[in-house]
N, C-alpha and C. Protein backbone atom coordinates (compact mmCIF):
# COMPACT_ATOMS: atom_id res chain seq x y z
N PRO A 1 105.50 97.34 73.90
CA PRO A 1 106.80 97.08 73.28
C PRO A 1 106.76 95.80 72.43
N ARG A 2 107.54 95.79 71.39
CA ARG A 2 107.59 94.66 70.46
C ARG A 2 107.96 93.37 71.17
N SER A 3 108.80 93.47 72.19
CA SER A 3 109.25 92.27 72.91
C SER A 3 108.11 91.57 73.65
N LEU A 4 107.02 92.27 73.89
CA LEU A 4 105.89 91.67 74.60
C LEU A 4 104.76 91.23 73.67
N CYS A 5 104.97 91.34 72.38
CA CYS A 5 103.95 90.92 71.42
C CYS A 5 103.58 89.46 71.67
N GLY A 6 102.31 89.18 71.87
CA GLY A 6 101.83 87.83 72.12
C GLY A 6 101.98 87.36 73.55
N ALA A 7 102.52 88.22 74.41
CA ALA A 7 102.72 87.84 75.82
C ALA A 7 101.41 87.97 76.59
N ARG A 8 101.35 87.29 77.74
CA ARG A 8 100.19 87.37 78.63
C ARG A 8 100.66 87.88 79.98
N SER A 9 99.74 88.49 80.70
CA SER A 9 100.03 88.96 82.05
C SER A 9 98.94 88.44 82.98
N GLU A 10 99.33 87.99 84.14
CA GLU A 10 98.38 87.54 85.15
C GLU A 10 98.11 88.65 86.18
N ALA A 11 98.62 89.84 85.91
CA ALA A 11 98.47 90.96 86.84
C ALA A 11 97.00 91.36 86.98
N LEU A 12 96.60 91.70 88.20
CA LEU A 12 95.25 92.20 88.44
C LEU A 12 95.25 93.71 88.23
N VAL A 13 94.34 94.15 87.37
CA VAL A 13 94.23 95.57 87.06
C VAL A 13 92.77 95.97 87.24
N HIS A 14 92.54 97.03 87.98
CA HIS A 14 91.17 97.52 88.18
C HIS A 14 90.79 98.42 87.02
N ILE A 15 89.53 98.48 86.67
CA ILE A 15 89.06 99.29 85.55
C ILE A 15 89.47 100.76 85.71
N SER A 16 89.54 101.24 86.94
CA SER A 16 89.91 102.64 87.16
C SER A 16 91.38 102.90 86.83
N ASP A 17 92.18 101.85 86.67
CA ASP A 17 93.60 102.02 86.35
C ASP A 17 93.85 102.30 84.87
N TRP A 18 92.91 101.97 84.02
CA TRP A 18 93.15 102.16 82.59
C TRP A 18 93.25 103.63 82.21
N TYR A 19 92.44 104.50 82.81
CA TYR A 19 92.49 105.93 82.47
C TYR A 19 93.88 106.52 82.73
N PRO A 20 94.43 106.42 83.93
CA PRO A 20 95.76 107.01 84.13
C PRO A 20 96.85 106.31 83.32
N THR A 21 96.69 105.03 83.07
CA THR A 21 97.68 104.30 82.28
C THR A 21 97.69 104.81 80.84
N PHE A 22 96.52 104.87 80.20
CA PHE A 22 96.45 105.33 78.81
C PHE A 22 96.79 106.81 78.69
N ALA A 23 96.36 107.61 79.67
CA ALA A 23 96.66 109.04 79.65
C ALA A 23 98.17 109.26 79.70
N THR A 24 98.84 108.54 80.58
CA THR A 24 100.29 108.67 80.70
C THR A 24 100.99 108.22 79.42
N LEU A 25 100.53 107.11 78.83
CA LEU A 25 101.12 106.65 77.58
C LEU A 25 100.95 107.67 76.45
N ALA A 26 99.84 108.43 76.49
CA ALA A 26 99.57 109.44 75.47
C ALA A 26 100.28 110.76 75.76
N GLY A 27 100.97 110.83 76.90
CA GLY A 27 101.68 112.06 77.24
C GLY A 27 100.85 113.06 78.02
N ALA A 28 99.66 112.66 78.43
CA ALA A 28 98.81 113.56 79.21
C ALA A 28 99.05 113.32 80.71
N VAL A 29 98.70 114.30 81.51
CA VAL A 29 98.83 114.18 82.95
C VAL A 29 97.44 113.83 83.50
N PRO A 30 97.27 112.62 84.04
CA PRO A 30 95.94 112.20 84.52
C PRO A 30 95.64 112.73 85.91
N SER A 31 95.39 114.02 85.99
CA SER A 31 95.12 114.62 87.30
C SER A 31 93.78 115.34 87.32
N ASP A 32 92.77 114.65 86.89
CA ASP A 32 91.42 115.22 86.85
C ASP A 32 90.75 115.10 88.22
N ASP A 33 91.25 115.88 89.17
CA ASP A 33 90.67 115.82 90.51
C ASP A 33 89.21 116.26 90.46
N ALA A 34 88.39 115.59 91.26
CA ALA A 34 86.96 115.91 91.32
C ALA A 34 86.70 116.82 92.52
N ASN A 35 85.96 117.88 92.29
CA ASN A 35 85.58 118.79 93.36
C ASN A 35 84.12 118.50 93.70
N ILE A 36 83.90 117.86 94.86
CA ILE A 36 82.55 117.48 95.25
C ILE A 36 82.21 118.18 96.56
N SER A 37 81.26 119.08 96.50
CA SER A 37 80.81 119.85 97.67
C SER A 37 81.98 120.53 98.38
N GLY A 38 82.90 121.06 97.58
CA GLY A 38 84.04 121.79 98.15
C GLY A 38 85.23 120.92 98.52
N ALA A 39 85.07 119.61 98.52
CA ALA A 39 86.18 118.71 98.84
C ALA A 39 86.79 118.21 97.52
N VAL A 40 88.11 118.12 97.48
CA VAL A 40 88.80 117.68 96.27
C VAL A 40 89.26 116.24 96.45
N TYR A 41 88.90 115.41 95.49
CA TYR A 41 89.26 113.99 95.52
C TYR A 41 90.08 113.67 94.28
N PRO A 42 91.23 113.01 94.44
CA PRO A 42 92.03 112.64 93.28
C PRO A 42 91.39 111.44 92.55
N ILE A 43 91.84 111.22 91.32
CA ILE A 43 91.34 110.05 90.60
C ILE A 43 91.76 108.80 91.38
N ASP A 44 91.02 107.72 91.20
CA ASP A 44 91.27 106.51 91.97
C ASP A 44 92.27 105.58 91.30
N GLY A 45 92.48 105.72 90.01
CA GLY A 45 93.34 104.80 89.29
C GLY A 45 94.82 105.11 89.42
N VAL A 46 95.63 104.12 89.09
CA VAL A 46 97.09 104.27 89.07
C VAL A 46 97.63 103.78 87.73
N ASP A 47 98.77 104.31 87.33
CA ASP A 47 99.41 103.90 86.09
C ASP A 47 100.01 102.51 86.28
N VAL A 48 99.49 101.52 85.58
CA VAL A 48 99.95 100.14 85.73
C VAL A 48 100.89 99.71 84.59
N TRP A 49 101.24 100.62 83.69
CA TRP A 49 102.09 100.26 82.56
C TRP A 49 103.42 99.63 83.00
N PRO A 50 104.14 100.20 83.97
CA PRO A 50 105.40 99.56 84.38
C PRO A 50 105.20 98.11 84.84
N MET A 51 104.10 97.83 85.51
CA MET A 51 103.83 96.46 85.95
C MET A 51 103.51 95.57 84.75
N LEU A 52 102.74 96.07 83.79
CA LEU A 52 102.34 95.26 82.64
C LEU A 52 103.52 94.90 81.73
N ILE A 53 104.50 95.78 81.64
CA ILE A 53 105.64 95.50 80.77
C ILE A 53 106.80 94.84 81.52
N GLY A 54 106.62 94.60 82.81
CA GLY A 54 107.63 93.87 83.57
C GLY A 54 108.75 94.71 84.15
N VAL A 55 108.66 96.03 84.04
CA VAL A 55 109.68 96.90 84.62
C VAL A 55 109.58 96.89 86.15
N ASN A 56 108.36 96.82 86.64
CA ASN A 56 108.12 96.78 88.08
C ASN A 56 107.18 95.61 88.35
N ALA A 57 107.63 94.64 89.10
CA ALA A 57 106.81 93.45 89.38
C ALA A 57 105.86 93.66 90.55
N THR A 58 105.98 94.79 91.21
CA THR A 58 105.16 95.07 92.39
C THR A 58 103.84 95.72 91.98
N GLN A 59 102.76 95.22 92.53
CA GLN A 59 101.44 95.81 92.32
C GLN A 59 101.47 97.26 92.81
N PRO A 60 101.03 98.25 92.00
CA PRO A 60 101.11 99.65 92.40
C PRO A 60 100.09 100.08 93.46
N ARG A 61 99.16 99.23 93.78
CA ARG A 61 98.20 99.55 94.83
C ARG A 61 98.21 98.40 95.84
N PRO A 62 97.98 98.69 97.11
CA PRO A 62 98.04 97.63 98.12
C PRO A 62 96.96 96.57 97.96
N ILE A 63 95.80 96.95 97.45
CA ILE A 63 94.68 96.01 97.29
C ILE A 63 94.00 96.29 95.96
N THR A 64 93.73 95.24 95.20
CA THR A 64 92.94 95.37 93.98
C THR A 64 91.66 94.57 94.21
N VAL A 65 90.57 95.29 94.40
CA VAL A 65 89.28 94.64 94.64
C VAL A 65 88.73 94.17 93.31
N VAL A 66 88.51 92.87 93.20
CA VAL A 66 88.02 92.28 91.96
C VAL A 66 86.52 92.06 92.02
N THR A 67 86.03 91.62 93.18
CA THR A 67 84.60 91.38 93.38
C THR A 67 84.23 91.84 94.77
N GLU A 68 82.94 91.88 95.04
CA GLU A 68 82.50 92.22 96.40
C GLU A 68 83.01 91.20 97.40
N VAL A 69 83.10 89.95 97.00
CA VAL A 69 83.58 88.90 97.89
C VAL A 69 85.04 89.16 98.26
N SER A 70 85.87 89.54 97.28
CA SER A 70 87.28 89.80 97.60
C SER A 70 87.41 90.99 98.53
N ALA A 71 86.54 91.99 98.40
CA ALA A 71 86.59 93.14 99.30
C ALA A 71 86.24 92.69 100.73
N ILE A 72 85.26 91.83 100.86
CA ILE A 72 84.88 91.33 102.18
C ILE A 72 86.01 90.49 102.78
N GLU A 73 86.67 89.67 101.94
CA GLU A 73 87.79 88.85 102.42
C GLU A 73 88.94 89.70 102.89
N VAL A 74 89.26 90.78 102.19
CA VAL A 74 90.35 91.67 102.57
C VAL A 74 90.05 92.29 103.93
N VAL A 75 88.83 92.76 104.12
CA VAL A 75 88.44 93.35 105.40
C VAL A 75 88.51 92.32 106.51
N ALA A 76 88.02 91.12 106.25
CA ALA A 76 88.03 90.07 107.28
C ALA A 76 89.45 89.70 107.67
N HIS A 77 90.36 89.58 106.70
CA HIS A 77 91.75 89.19 106.98
C HIS A 77 92.53 90.31 107.64
N SER A 78 92.11 91.56 107.41
CA SER A 78 92.84 92.67 108.01
C SER A 78 92.34 93.00 109.41
N GLY A 79 91.31 92.28 109.86
CA GLY A 79 90.78 92.52 111.19
C GLY A 79 89.74 93.63 111.25
N GLY A 80 89.35 94.16 110.09
CA GLY A 80 88.34 95.23 110.05
C GLY A 80 86.94 94.66 110.16
N SER A 81 85.98 95.54 110.13
CA SER A 81 84.59 95.06 110.21
C SER A 81 83.82 95.41 108.97
């Protein structure tokens, strides 16, 4: 949107989120489920456009893994192994 021209966002976005975001903006339905050995897996990304334009301030996924270290920290803080 024109109102966001030159604006910055500090939101964390995973690379897998760009596909569903751009697909949705283009009017496509990003539902390219993968069929692997008979099991169906949905795409991993989420549409982050509402978060980027400020309509929704909430991160659309509970965890955004940025590095291997952050993944280890999330597991450690959640009590997992």
